[in-house]
């Protein structure tokens, strides 16, 4: 019978067994990955949400019901314009930058497609 630590041959057929893994120490090599756990980077522990008191987790007024009423009004406005002037300014600024950027890219593409004058 073969040595109990050797896994190069199968005891029944005398063939090499490819499915069995050999440890690096068995082959005289150092392991690539350390078997020790790494040191802590941050020594602080994390707090779970269940550990916190209920009063400390939220200190403001719940605005969700008010916002639901605002956004669900049937006034014909799209959702992204429901809050009034700030939404209109943001929307128009975004559209102006988008259109301006598209025109700038088309002009740059046109200029890049024209051959340069040879002097």
PDB file of N, CA and C in Angstrom:
ATOM      1  N   UNK A   1       0.846  -1.181   0.000  1.00  0.00           N
ATOM      2  CA  UNK A   1       0.000   0.000   0.000  1.00  0.00           C
ATOM      3  C   UNK A   1       0.884   1.234   0.000  1.00  0.00           C
ATOM      4  N   UNK A   2       0.442   2.259  -0.678  1.00  0.00           N
ATOM      5  CA  UNK A   2       1.192   3.510  -0.791  1.00  0.00           C
ATOM      6  C   UNK A   2       1.155   4.280   0.517  1.00  0.00           C
ATOM      7  N   UNK A   3       2.026   5.275   0.614  1.00  0.00           N
ATOM      8  CA  UNK A   3       2.064   6.165   1.762  1.00  0.00           C
ATOM      9  C   UNK A   3       0.726   6.889   1.887  1.00  0.00           C
ATOM     10  N   UNK A   4       0.218   7.083   3.101  1.00  0.00           N
ATOM     11  CA  UNK A   4      -1.096   7.700   3.306  1.00  0.00           C
ATOM     12  C   UNK A   4      -1.119   9.153   2.867  1.00  0.00           C
ATOM     13  N   UNK A   5       0.041   9.830   2.862  1.00  0.00           N
ATOM     14  CA  UNK A   5       0.092  11.234   2.478  1.00  0.00           C
ATOM     15  C   UNK A   5       0.212  11.425   0.980  1.00  0.00           C
ATOM     16  N   UNK A   6       0.585  10.426   0.264  1.00  0.00           N
ATOM     17  CA  UNK A   6       0.795  10.564  -1.179  1.00  0.00           C
ATOM     18  C   UNK A   6      -0.528  10.400  -1.907  1.00  0.00           C
ATOM     19  N   UNK A   7      -0.773  11.271  -2.858  1.00  0.00           N
ATOM     20  CA  UNK A   7      -2.017  11.163  -3.612  1.00  0.00           C
ATOM     21  C   UNK A   7      -1.716  11.141  -5.110  1.00  0.00           C
ATOM     22  N   UNK A   8      -0.512  10.674  -5.481  1.00  0.00           N
ATOM     23  CA  UNK A   8      -0.135  10.639  -6.901  1.00  0.00           C
ATOM     24  C   UNK A   8      -0.764   9.464  -7.629  1.00  0.00           C
ATOM     25  N   UNK A   9      -0.996   8.369  -6.953  1.00  0.00           N
ATOM     26  CA  UNK A   9      -1.551   7.204  -7.627  1.00  0.00           C
ATOM     27  C   UNK A   9      -2.814   6.743  -6.935  1.00  0.00           C
ATOM     28  N   UNK A  10      -3.655   6.101  -7.698  1.00  0.00           N
ATOM     29  CA  UNK A  10      -4.869   5.517  -7.164  1.00  0.00           C
ATOM     30  C   UNK A  10      -4.514   4.108  -6.703  1.00  0.00           C
ATOM     31  N   UNK A  11      -4.848   3.741  -5.480  1.00  0.00           N
ATOM     32  CA  UNK A  11      -4.453   2.453  -4.928  1.00  0.00           C
ATOM     33  C   UNK A  11      -5.063   1.290  -5.702  1.00  0.00           C
ATOM     34  N   UNK A  12      -6.224   1.447  -6.297  1.00  0.00           N
ATOM     35  CA  UNK A  12      -6.886   0.332  -6.951  1.00  0.00           C
ATOM     36  C   UNK A  12      -6.291   0.033  -8.314  1.00  0.00           C
ATOM     37  N   UNK A  13      -5.996   1.049  -9.118  1.00  0.00           N
ATOM     38  CA  UNK A  13      -5.586   0.806 -10.487  1.00  0.00           C
ATOM     39  C   UNK A  13      -4.134   1.160 -10.751  1.00  0.00           C
ATOM     40  N   UNK A  14      -3.469   1.872  -9.842  1.00  0.00           N
ATOM     41  CA  UNK A  14      -2.087   2.248 -10.058  1.00  0.00           C
ATOM     42  C   UNK A  14      -1.936   3.400 -11.034  1.00  0.00           C
ATOM     43  N   UNK A  15      -3.016   4.116 -11.318  1.00  0.00           N
ATOM     44  CA  UNK A  15      -2.980   5.262 -12.230  1.00  0.00           C
ATOM     45  C   UNK A  15      -2.924   6.548 -11.425  1.00  0.00           C
ATOM     46  N   UNK A  16      -2.496   7.637 -12.099  1.00  0.00           N
ATOM     47  CA  UNK A  16      -2.512   8.949 -11.456  1.00  0.00           C
ATOM     48  C   UNK A  16      -3.952   9.408 -11.333  1.00  0.00           C
ATOM     49  N   UNK A  17      -4.293   9.975 -10.199  1.00  0.00           N
ATOM     50  CA  UNK A  17      -5.634  10.506 -10.023  1.00  0.00           C
ATOM     51  C   UNK A  17      -5.571  12.016 -10.195  1.00  0.00           C
ATOM     52  N   UNK A  18      -6.262  12.501 -11.186  1.00  0.00           N
ATOM     53  CA  UNK A  18      -6.217  13.927 -11.516  1.00  0.00           C
ATOM     54  C   UNK A  18      -7.218  14.741 -10.720  1.00  0.00           C
ATOM     55  N   UNK A  19      -8.220  14.143 -10.142  1.00  0.00           N
ATOM     56  CA  UNK A  19      -9.245  14.868  -9.434  1.00  0.00           C
ATOM     57  C   UNK A  19      -8.844  15.288  -8.029  1.00  0.00           C
ATOM     58  N   UNK A  20      -7.825  14.659  -7.478  1.00  0.00           N
ATOM     59  CA  UNK A  20      -7.426  14.975  -6.114  1.00  0.00           C
ATOM     60  C   UNK A  20      -6.468  16.151  -6.122  1.00  0.00           C
ATOM     61  N   UNK A  21      -6.631  17.036  -5.147  1.00  0.00           N
ATOM     62  CA  UNK A  21      -5.777  18.217  -5.052  1.00  0.00           C
ATOM     63  C   UNK A  21      -4.621  17.929  -4.116  1.00  0.00           C
ATOM     64  N   UNK A  22      -3.475  18.456  -4.466  1.00  0.00           N
ATOM     65  CA  UNK A  22      -2.290  18.296  -3.638  1.00  0.00           C
ATOM     66  C   UNK A  22      -2.013  19.617  -2.949  1.00  0.00           C
ATOM     67  N   UNK A  23      -1.627  19.566  -1.699  1.00  0.00           N
ATOM     68  CA  UNK A  23      -1.317  20.797  -0.994  1.00  0.00           C
ATOM     69  C   UNK A  23       0.076  21.261  -1.412  1.00  0.00           C
ATOM     70  N   UNK A  24       0.322  22.586  -1.425  1.00  0.00           N
ATOM     71  CA  UNK A  24       1.646  23.082  -1.788  1.00  0.00           C
ATOM     72  C   UNK A  24       2.729  22.604  -0.824  1.00  0.00           C
ATOM     73  N   UNK A  25       2.380  22.420   0.452  1.00  0.00           N
ATOM     74  CA  UNK A  25       3.362  21.946   1.410  1.00  0.00           C
ATOM     75  C   UNK A  25       3.800  20.525   1.072  1.00  0.00           C
ATOM     76  N   UNK A  26       2.918  19.712   0.508  1.00  0.00           N
ATOM     77  CA  UNK A  26       3.232  18.352   0.118  1.00  0.00           C
ATOM     78  C   UNK A  26       4.301  18.345  -0.975  1.00  0.00           C
ATOM     79  N   UNK A  27       4.268  19.343  -1.835  1.00  0.00           N
ATOM     80  CA  UNK A  27       5.231  19.422  -2.928  1.00  0.00           C
ATOM     81  C   UNK A  27       6.474  20.217  -2.552  1.00  0.00           C
ATOM     82  N   UNK A  28       6.548  20.703  -1.307  1.00  0.00           N
ATOM     83  CA  UNK A  28       7.702  21.457  -0.874  1.00  0.00           C
ATOM     84  C   UNK A  28       7.631  22.925  -1.249  1.00  0.00           C
ATOM     85  N   UNK A  29       6.443  23.426  -1.562  1.00  0.00           N
ATOM     86  CA  UNK A  29       6.269  24.819  -1.958  1.00  0.00           C
ATOM     87  C   UNK A  29       5.550  25.584  -0.855  1.00  0.00           C
ATOM     88  N   UNK A  30       5.766  26.906  -0.839  1.00  0.00           N
ATOM     89  CA  UNK A  30       5.035  27.751   0.085  1.00  0.00           C
ATOM     90  C   UNK A  30       3.659  28.043  -0.508  1.00  0.00           C
ATOM     91  N   UNK A  31       2.623  28.149   0.328  1.00  0.00           N
ATOM     92  CA  UNK A  31       1.299  28.488  -0.221  1.00  0.00           C
ATOM     93  C   UNK A  31       1.292  29.910  -0.774  1.00  0.00           C
ATOM     94  N   UNK A  32       0.559  30.122  -1.871  1.00  0.00           N
ATOM     95  CA  UNK A  32       0.480  31.433  -2.509  1.00  0.00           C
ATOM     96  C   UNK A  32      -0.350  32.385  -1.661  1.00  0.00           C
ATOM     97  N   UNK A  33      -1.460  31.915  -1.167  1.00  0.00           N
ATOM     98  CA  UNK A  33      -2.359  32.739  -0.378  1.00  0.00           C
ATOM     99  C   UNK A  33      -2.114  32.436   1.092  1.00  0.00           C
ATOM    100  N   UNK A  34      -2.027  33.486   1.887  1.00  0.00           N
ATOM    101  CA  UNK A  34      -1.793  33.314   3.308  1.00  0.00           C
ATOM    102  C   UNK A  34      -2.984  32.619   3.948  1.00  0.00           C
ATOM    103  N   UNK A  35      -2.697  31.692   4.851  1.00  0.00           N
ATOM    104  CA  UNK A  35      -3.770  30.991   5.539  1.00  0.00           C
ATOM    105  C   UNK A  35      -4.213  31.751   6.782  1.00  0.00           C
ATOM    106  N   UNK A  36      -3.480  32.805   7.165  1.00  0.00           N
ATOM    107  CA  UNK A  36      -3.840  33.603   8.325  1.00  0.00           C
ATOM    108  C   UNK A  36      -4.814  34.703   7.914  1.00  0.00           C
ATOM    109  N   UNK A  37      -5.674  35.085   8.836  1.00  0.00           N
ATOM    110  CA  UNK A  37      -6.610  36.161   8.528  1.00  0.00           C
ATOM    111  C   UNK A  37      -5.862  37.492   8.540  1.00  0.00           C
ATOM    112  N   UNK A  38      -6.197  38.413   7.631  1.00  0.00           N
ATOM    113  CA  UNK A  38      -5.490  39.693   7.572  1.00  0.00           C
ATOM    114  C   UNK A  38      -5.825  40.564   8.784  1.00  0.00           C
ATOM    115  N   UNK A  39      -4.935  41.513   9.074  1.00  0.00           N
ATOM    116  CA  UNK A  39      -5.151  42.422  10.186  1.00  0.00           C
ATOM    117  C   UNK A  39      -6.303  43.371   9.850  1.00  0.00           C
ATOM    118  N   UNK A  40      -6.977  43.873  10.877  1.00  0.00           N
ATOM    119  CA  UNK A  40      -8.065  44.808  10.671  1.00  0.00           C
ATOM    120  C   UNK A  40      -7.534  46.135  10.154  1.00  0.00           C
ATOM    121  N   UNK A  41      -8.184  46.689   9.158  1.00  0.00           N
ATOM    122  CA  UNK A  41      -7.788  47.994   8.641  1.00  0.00           C
ATOM    123  C   UNK A  41      -8.360  49.080   9.531  1.00  0.00           C
ATOM    124  N   UNK A  42      -9.631  48.983   9.817  1.00  0.00           N
ATOM    125  CA  UNK A  42     -10.300  49.923  10.707  1.00  0.00           C
ATOM    126  C   UNK A  42     -10.755  49.140  11.931  1.00  0.00           C
ATOM    127  N   UNK A  43     -10.338  49.562  13.087  1.00  0.00           N
ATOM    128  CA  UNK A  43     -10.633  48.819  14.298  1.00  0.00           C
ATOM    129  C   UNK A  43     -11.993  49.086  14.892  1.00  0.00           C
ATOM    130  N   UNK A  44     -12.787  49.931  14.282  1.00  0.00           N
ATOM    131  CA  UNK A  44     -14.091  50.241  14.843  1.00  0.00           C
ATOM    132  C   UNK A  44     -15.106  49.197  14.419  1.00  0.00           C
ATOM    133  N   UNK A  45     -16.051  48.977  15.279  1.00  0.00           N
ATOM    134  CA  UNK A  45     -17.113  48.038  14.944  1.00  0.00           C
ATOM    135  C   UNK A  45     -18.261  48.800  14.290  1.00  0.00           C
ATOM    136  N   UNK A  46     -19.048  48.109  13.527  1.00  0.00           N
ATOM    137  CA  UNK A  46     -20.186  48.739  12.865  1.00  0.00           C
ATOM    138  C   UNK A  46     -21.429  48.569  13.734  1.00  0.00           C
ATOM    139  N   UNK A  47     -22.299  49.555  13.688  1.00  0.00           N
ATOM    140  CA  UNK A  47     -23.554  49.480  14.430  1.00  0.00           C
ATOM    141  C   UNK A  47     -24.650  48.990  13.501  1.00  0.00           C
ATOM    142  N   UNK A  48     -25.444  48.101  13.982  1.00  0.00           N
ATOM    143  CA  UNK A  48     -26.586  47.636  13.222  1.00  0.00           C
ATOM    144  C   UNK A  48     -27.751  48.589  13.428  1.00  0.00           C
ATOM    145  N   UNK A  49     -28.641  48.649  12.464  1.00  0.00           N
ATOM    146  CA  UNK A  49     -29.802  49.531  12.565  1.00  0.00           C
ATOM    147  C   UNK A  49     -30.702  49.123  13.725  1.00  0.00           C
ATOM    148  N   UNK A  50     -30.715  47.844  14.038  1.00  0.00           N
ATOM    149  CA  UNK A  50     -31.561  47.390  15.140  1.00  0.00           C
ATOM    150  C   UNK A  50     -30.994  47.801  16.497  1.00  0.00           C
ATOM    151  N   UNK A  51     -29.686  48.132  16.562  1.00  0.00           N
ATOM    152  CA  UNK A  51     -29.070  48.557  17.813  1.00  0.00           C
ATOM    153  C   UNK A  51     -29.392  50.013  18.148  1.00  0.00           C
ATOM    154  N   UNK A  52     -29.751  50.816  17.148  1.00  0.00           N
ATOM    155  CA  UNK A  52     -30.011  52.229  17.373  1.00  0.00           C
ATOM    156  C   UNK A  52     -31.422  52.429  17.923  1.00  0.00           C
ATOM    157  N   UNK A  53     -31.596  53.398  18.801  1.00  0.00           N
ATOM    158  CA  UNK A  53     -32.963  53.712  19.241  1.00  0.00           C
ATOM    159  C   UNK A  53     -33.782  54.280  18.090  1.00  0.00           C
ATOM    160  N   UNK A  54     -35.073  54.074  18.123  1.00  0.00           N
ATOM    161  CA  UNK A  54     -35.946  54.503  17.031  1.00  0.00           C
ATOM    162  C   UNK A  54     -35.974  56.015  16.887  1.00  0.00           C
ATOM    163  N   UNK A  55     -35.796  56.757  17.984  1.00  0.00           N
ATOM    164  CA  UNK A  55     -35.860  58.214  17.915  1.00  0.00           C
ATOM    165  C   UNK A  55     -34.611  58.814  17.283  1.00  0.00           C
ATOM    166  N   UNK A  56     -33.474  58.138  17.373  1.00  0.00           N
ATOM    167  CA  UNK A  56     -32.233  58.672  16.819  1.00  0.00           C
ATOM    168  C   UNK A  56     -32.107  58.447  15.323  1.00  0.00           C
ATOM    169  N   UNK A  57     -32.834  57.479  14.785  1.00  0.00           N
ATOM    170  CA  UNK A  57     -32.663  57.157  13.374  1.00  0.00           C
ATOM    171  C   UNK A  57     -33.296  58.181  12.442  1.00  0.00           C
ATOM    172  N   UNK A  58     -34.333  58.912  12.905  1.00  0.00           N
ATOM    173  CA  UNK A  58     -34.994  59.882  12.049  1.00  0.00           C
ATOM    174  C   UNK A  58     -35.410  61.075  12.898  1.00  0.00           C
ATOM    175  N   UNK A  59     -34.880  62.244  12.555  1.00  0.00           N
ATOM    176  CA  UNK A  59     -35.161  63.416  13.379  1.00  0.00           C
ATOM    177  C   UNK A  59     -35.991  64.478  12.666  1.00  0.00           C
ATOM    178  N   UNK A  60     -36.330  64.274  11.395  1.00  0.00           N
ATOM    179  CA  UNK A  60     -37.075  65.278  10.649  1.00  0.00           C
ATOM    180  C   UNK A  60     -38.528  64.902  10.452  1.00  0.00           C
ATOM    181  N   UNK A  61     -39.247  65.805   9.778  1.00  0.00           N
ATOM    182  CA  UNK A  61     -40.659  65.563   9.469  1.00  0.00           C
ATOM    183  C   UNK A  61     -40.754  64.701   8.216  1.00  0.00           C
ATOM    184  N   UNK A  62     -41.675  63.786   8.197  1.00  0.00           N
ATOM    185  CA  UNK A  62     -41.872  62.922   7.043  1.00  0.00           C
ATOM    186  C   UNK A  62     -42.569  63.711   5.941  1.00  0.00           C
ATOM    187  N   UNK A  63     -41.867  63.949   4.828  1.00  0.00           N
ATOM    188  CA  UNK A  63     -42.408  64.756   3.730  1.00  0.00           C
ATOM    189  C   UNK A  63     -43.052  63.913   2.631  1.00  0.00           C
ATOM    190  N   UNK A  64     -42.976  62.612   2.760  1.00  0.00           N
ATOM    191  CA  UNK A  64     -43.466  61.736   1.693  1.00  0.00           C
ATOM    192  C   UNK A  64     -44.959  61.923   1.415  1.00  0.00           C
ATOM    193  N   UNK A  65     -45.841  61.970   2.402  1.00  0.00           N
ATOM    194  CA  UNK A  65     -47.273  62.145   2.080  1.00  0.00           C
ATOM    195  C   UNK A  65     -47.547  63.457   1.340  1.00  0.00           C
ATOM    196  N   UNK A  66     -46.862  64.536   1.731  1.00  0.00           N
ATOM    197  CA  UNK A  66     -47.070  65.817   1.045  1.00  0.00           C
ATOM    198  C   UNK A  66     -46.602  65.747  -0.408  1.00  0.00           C
ATOM    199  N   UNK A  67     -45.446  65.134  -0.621  1.00  0.00           N
ATOM    200  CA  UNK A  67     -44.929  65.019  -1.980  1.00  0.00           C
ATOM    201  C   UNK A  67     -45.791  64.092  -2.831  1.00  0.00           C
ATOM    202  N   UNK A  68     -46.354  63.046  -2.228  1.00  0.00           N
ATOM    203  CA  UNK A  68     -47.263  62.164  -2.971  1.00  0.00           C
ATOM    204  C   UNK A  68     -48.485  62.936  -3.451  1.00  0.00           C
ATOM    205  N   UNK A  69     -49.028  63.788  -2.584  1.00  0.00           N
ATOM    206  CA  UNK A  69     -50.183  64.594  -2.990  1.00  0.00           C
ATOM    207  C   UNK A  69     -49.820  65.535  -4.133  1.00  0.00           C
ATOM    208  N   UNK A  70     -48.639  66.146  -4.041  1.00  0.00           N
ATOM    209  CA  UNK A  70     -48.193  67.086  -5.069  1.00  0.00           C
ATOM    210  C   UNK A  70     -48.015  66.397  -6.414  1.00  0.00           C
ATOM    211  N   UNK A  71     -47.328  65.262  -6.415  1.00  0.00           N
ATOM    212  CA  UNK A  71     -47.016  64.600  -7.683  1.00  0.00           C
ATOM    213  C   UNK A  71     -48.191  63.835  -8.268  1.00  0.00           C
ATOM    214  N   UNK A  72     -49.201  63.540  -7.484  1.00  0.00           N
ATOM    215  CA  UNK A  72     -50.352  62.797  -7.986  1.00  0.00           C
ATOM    216  C   UNK A  72     -51.525  63.686  -8.373  1.00  0.00           C
ATOM    217  N   UNK A  73     -51.348  65.005  -8.333  1.00  0.00           N
ATOM    218  CA  UNK A  73     -52.412  65.913  -8.761  1.00  0.00           C
ATOM    219  C   UNK A  73     -52.640  65.777 -10.259  1.00  0.00           C
ATOM    220  N   UNK A  74     -53.889  65.815 -10.668  1.00  0.00           N
ATOM    221  CA  UNK A  74     -54.238  65.706 -12.084  1.00  0.00           C
ATOM    222  C   UNK A  74     -54.319  67.110 -12.679  1.00  0.00           C
ATOM    223  N   UNK A  75     -53.173  67.775 -12.829  1.00  0.00           N
ATOM    224  CA  UNK A  75     -53.167  69.133 -13.376  1.00  0.00           C
ATOM    225  C   UNK A  75     -52.570  69.191 -14.785  1.00  0.00           C
ATOM    226  N   UNK A  76     -52.253  68.050 -15.373  1.00  0.00           N
ATOM    227  CA  UNK A  76     -51.773  68.018 -16.746  1.00  0.00           C
ATOM    228  C   UNK A  76     -50.280  68.271 -16.897  1.00  0.00           C
ATOM    229  N   UNK A  77     -49.572  68.587 -15.821  1.00  0.00           N
ATOM    230  CA  UNK A  77     -48.130  68.815 -15.911  1.00  0.00           C
ATOM    231  C   UNK A  77     -47.376  67.497 -15.813  1.00  0.00           C
ATOM    232  N   UNK A  78     -46.266  67.376 -16.547  1.00  0.00           N
ATOM    233  CA  UNK A  78     -45.443  66.172 -16.372  1.00  0.00           C
ATOM    234  C   UNK A  78     -44.781  66.181 -14.988  1.00  0.00           C
ATOM    235  N   UNK A  79     -44.393  65.030 -14.519  1.00  0.00           N
ATOM    236  CA  UNK A  79     -43.849  64.881 -13.167  1.00  0.00           C
ATOM    237  C   UNK A  79     -42.593  65.726 -12.973  1.00  0.00           C
ATOM    238  N   UNK A  80     -41.757  65.836 -14.012  1.00  0.00           N
ATOM    239  CA  UNK A  80     -40.497  66.566 -13.852  1.00  0.00           C
ATOM    240  C   UNK A  80     -40.698  68.084 -13.799  1.00  0.00           C
ATOM    241  N   UNK A  81     -41.931  68.582 -13.943  1.00  0.00           N
ATOM    242  CA  UNK A  81     -42.192  70.020 -13.847  1.00  0.00           C
ATOM    243  C   UNK A  81     -43.202  70.365 -12.744  1.00  0.00           C
ATOM    244  N   UNK A  82     -43.530  69.425 -11.878  1.00  0.00           N
ATOM    245  CA  UNK A  82     -44.577  69.621 -10.874  1.00  0.00           C
ATOM    246  C   UNK A  82     -44.198  70.624  -9.793  1.00  0.00           C
ATOM    247  N   UNK A  83     -42.925  70.846  -9.516  1.00  0.00           N
ATOM    248  CA  UNK A  83     -42.537  71.716  -8.415  1.00  0.00           C
ATOM    249  C   UNK A  83     -42.433  73.184  -8.798  1.00  0.00           C
ATOM    250  N   UNK A  84     -42.745  73.527 -10.027  1.00  0.00           N
ATOM    251  CA  UNK A  84     -42.820  74.940 -10.390  1.00  0.00           C
ATOM    252  C   UNK A  84     -41.572  75.501 -11.045  1.00  0.00           C
ATOM    253  N   UNK A  85     -41.222  76.737 -10.666  1.00  0.00           N
ATOM    254  CA  UNK A  85     -40.155  77.504 -11.321  1.00  0.00           C
ATOM    255  C   UNK A  85     -38.789  76.808 -11.262  1.00  0.00           C
ATOM    256  N   UNK A  86     -38.350  76.262 -10.121  1.00  0.00           N
ATOM    257  CA  UNK A  86     -37.036  75.604 -10.124  1.00  0.00           C
ATOM    258  C   UNK A  86     -36.960  74.444 -11.115  1.00  0.00           C
ATOM    259  N   UNK A  87     -38.044  73.673 -11.216  1.00  0.00           N
ATOM    260  CA  UNK A  87     -38.048  72.563 -12.169  1.00  0.00           C
ATOM    261  C   UNK A  87     -38.014  73.072 -13.611  1.00  0.00           C
ATOM    262  N   UNK A  88     -38.722  74.169 -13.894  1.00  0.00           N
ATOM    263  CA  UNK A  88     -38.716  74.731 -15.244  1.00  0.00           C
ATOM    264  C   UNK A  88     -37.330  75.238 -15.608  1.00  0.00           C
ATOM    265  N   UNK A  89     -36.674  75.924 -14.660  1.00  0.00           N
ATOM    266  CA  UNK A  89     -35.319  76.418 -14.927  1.00  0.00           C
ATOM    267  C   UNK A  89     -34.338  75.271 -15.158  1.00  0.00           C
ATOM    268  N   UNK A  90     -34.417  74.248 -14.339  1.00  0.00           N
ATOM    269  CA  UNK A  90     -33.535  73.096 -14.499  1.00  0.00           C
ATOM    270  C   UNK A  90     -33.779  72.392 -15.828  1.00  0.00           C
ATOM    271  N   UNK A  91     -35.044  72.223 -16.192  1.00  0.00           N
ATOM    272  CA  UNK A  91     -35.392  71.563 -17.446  1.00  0.00           C
ATOM    273  C   UNK A  91     -34.888  72.365 -18.646  1.00  0.00           C
ATOM    274  N   UNK A  92     -35.130  73.671 -18.634  1.00  0.00           N
ATOM    275  CA  UNK A  92     -34.712  74.503 -19.764  1.00  0.00           C
ATOM    276  C   UNK A  92     -33.197  74.599 -19.874  1.00  0.00           C
ATOM    277  N   UNK A  93     -32.509  74.678 -18.742  1.00  0.00           N
ATOM    278  CA  UNK A  93     -31.044  74.709 -18.760  1.00  0.00           C
ATOM    279  C   UNK A  93     -30.491  73.406 -19.314  1.00  0.00           C
ATOM    280  N   UNK A  94     -31.055  72.300 -18.884  1.00  0.00           N
ATOM    281  CA  UNK A  94     -30.609  70.993 -19.379  1.00  0.00           C
ATOM    282  C   UNK A  94     -30.841  70.868 -20.878  1.00  0.00           C
ATOM    283  N   UNK A  95     -32.004  71.304 -21.349  1.00  0.00           N
ATOM    284  CA  UNK A  95     -32.291  71.224 -22.783  1.00  0.00           C
ATOM    285  C   UNK A  95     -31.366  72.134 -23.581  1.00  0.00           C
ATOM    286  N   UNK A  96     -31.091  73.353 -23.071  1.00  0.00           N
ATOM    287  CA  UNK A  96     -30.194  74.270 -23.780  1.00  0.00           C
ATOM    288  C   UNK A  96     -28.785  73.693 -23.864  1.00  0.00           C
ATOM    289  N   UNK A  97     -28.285  73.126 -22.776  1.00  0.00           N
ATOM    290  CA  UNK A  97     -26.948  72.524 -22.807  1.00  0.00           C
ATOM    291  C   UNK A  97     -26.891  71.310 -23.739  1.00  0.00           C
ATOM    292  N   UNK A  98     -27.951  70.527 -23.757  1.00  0.00           N
ATOM    293  CA  UNK A  98     -27.997  69.359 -24.642  1.00  0.00           C
ATOM    294  C   UNK A  98     -28.001  69.775 -26.111  1.00  0.00           C
ATOM    295  N   UNK A  99     -28.843  70.735 -26.454  1.00  0.00           N
ATOM    296  CA  UNK A  99     -28.917  71.193 -27.848  1.00  0.00           C
ATOM    297  C   UNK A  99     -27.618  71.885 -28.244  1.00  0.00           C
ATOM    298  N   UNK A 100     -27.085  72.724 -27.347  1.00  0.00           N
ATOM    299  CA  UNK A 100     -25.813  73.394 -27.637  1.00  0.00           C
ATOM    300  C   UNK A 100     -24.670  72.406 -27.816  1.00  0.00           C
ATOM    301  N   UNK A 101     -24.611  71.377 -26.976  1.00  0.00           N
ATOM    302  CA  UNK A 101     -23.568  70.360 -27.105  1.00  0.00           C
ATOM    303  C   UNK A 101     -23.693  69.558 -28.380  1.00  0.00           C
ATOM    304  N   UNK A 102     -24.925  69.275 -28.782  1.00  0.00           N
ATOM    305  CA  UNK A 102     -25.142  68.543 -30.032  1.00  0.00           C
ATOM    306  C   UNK A 102     -24.683  69.371 -31.233  1.00  0.00           C
ATOM    307  N   UNK A 103     -25.035  70.655 -31.239  1.00  0.00           N
ATOM    308  CA  UNK A 103     -24.601  71.536 -32.339  1.00  0.00           C
ATOM    309  C   UNK A 103     -23.076  71.647 -32.359  1.00  0.00           C
ATOM    310  N   UNK A 104     -22.470  71.796 -31.192  1.00  0.00           N
ATOM    311  CA  UNK A 104     -21.010  71.892 -31.115  1.00  0.00           C
ATOM    312  C   UNK A 104     -20.341  70.625 -31.659  1.00  0.00           C
ATOM    313  N   UNK A 105     -20.873  69.452 -31.309  1.00  0.00           N
ATOM    314  CA  UNK A 105     -20.307  68.193 -31.807  1.00  0.00           C
ATOM    315  C   UNK A 105     -20.458  68.072 -33.319  1.00  0.00           C
ATOM    316  N   UNK A 106     -21.610  68.506 -33.863  1.00  0.00           N
ATOM    317  CA  UNK A 106     -21.809  68.436 -35.312  1.00  0.00           C
ATOM    318  C   UNK A 106     -20.857  69.390 -36.043  1.00  0.00           C
ATOM    319  N   UNK A 107     -20.650  70.590 -35.501  1.00  0.00           N
ATOM    320  CA  UNK A 107     -19.715  71.533 -36.118  1.00  0.00           C
ATOM    321  C   UNK A 107     -18.290  70.980 -36.059  1.00  0.00           C
ATOM    322  N   UNK A 108     -17.903  70.413 -34.924  1.00  0.00           N
ATOM    323  CA  UNK A 108     -16.557  69.838 -34.795  1.00  0.00           C
ATOM    324  C   UNK A 108     -16.383  68.666 -35.748  1.00  0.00           C
ATOM    325  N   UNK A 109     -17.404  67.852 -35.917  1.00  0.00           N
ATOM    326  CA  UNK A 109     -17.334  66.726 -36.854  1.00  0.00           C
ATOM    327  C   UNK A 109     -17.207  67.225 -38.290  1.00  0.00           C
ATOM    328  N   UNK A 110     -17.956  68.282 -38.639  1.00  0.00           N
ATOM    329  CA  UNK A 110     -17.873  68.860 -39.979  1.00  0.00           C
ATOM    330  C   UNK A 110     -16.465  69.416 -40.229  1.00  0.00           C
ATOM    331  N   UNK A 111     -15.917  70.156 -39.250  1.00  0.00           N
ATOM    332  CA  UNK A 111     -14.581  70.731 -39.428  1.00  0.00           C
ATOM    333  C   UNK A 111     -13.518  69.648 -39.530  1.00  0.00           C
ATOM    334  N   UNK A 112     -13.691  68.539 -38.788  1.00  0.00           N
ATOM    335  CA  UNK A 112     -12.718  67.461 -38.843  1.00  0.00           C
ATOM    336  C   UNK A 112     -12.794  66.699 -40.165  1.00  0.00           C
ATOM    337  N   UNK A 113     -13.945  66.738 -40.823  1.00  0.00           N
ATOM    338  CA  UNK A 113     -14.093  66.003 -42.081  1.00  0.00           C
ATOM    339  C   UNK A 113     -13.546  66.782 -43.284  1.00  0.00           C
ATOM    340  N   UNK A 114     -13.292  68.097 -43.142  1.00  0.00           N
ATOM    341  CA  UNK A 114     -12.789  68.906 -44.235  1.00  0.00           C
ATOM    342  C   UNK A 114     -11.259  68.783 -44.310  1.00  0.00           C
ATOM    343  N   UNK A 115     -10.729  68.656 -45.529  1.00  0.00           N
ATOM    344  CA  UNK A 115      -9.267  68.572 -45.658  1.00  0.00           C
ATOM    345  C   UNK A 115      -8.620  69.914 -45.339  1.00  0.00           C
ATOM    346  N   UNK A 116      -7.395  69.870 -44.799  1.00  0.00           N
ATOM    347  CA  UNK A 116      -6.659  71.080 -44.499  1.00  0.00           C
ATOM    348  C   UNK A 116      -6.010  71.614 -45.766  1.00  0.00           C
ATOM    349  N   UNK A 117      -5.841  72.913 -45.806  1.00  0.00           N
ATOM    350  CA  UNK A 117      -5.161  73.545 -46.948  1.00  0.00           C
ATOM    351  C   UNK A 117      -3.649  73.307 -46.839  1.00  0.00           C
ATOM    352  N   UNK A 118      -3.047  72.835 -47.923  1.00  0.00           N
ATOM    353  CA  UNK A 118      -1.600  72.633 -47.947  1.00  0.00           C
ATOM    354  C   UNK A 118      -0.927  73.927 -48.347  1.00  0.00           C
ATOM    355  N   UNK A 119       0.053  74.402 -47.603  1.00  0.00           N
ATOM    356  CA  UNK A 119       0.741  75.645 -47.932  1.00  0.00           C
ATOM    357  C   UNK A 119       2.046  75.389 -48.626  1.00  0.00           C
TER     358      UNK A 119
END
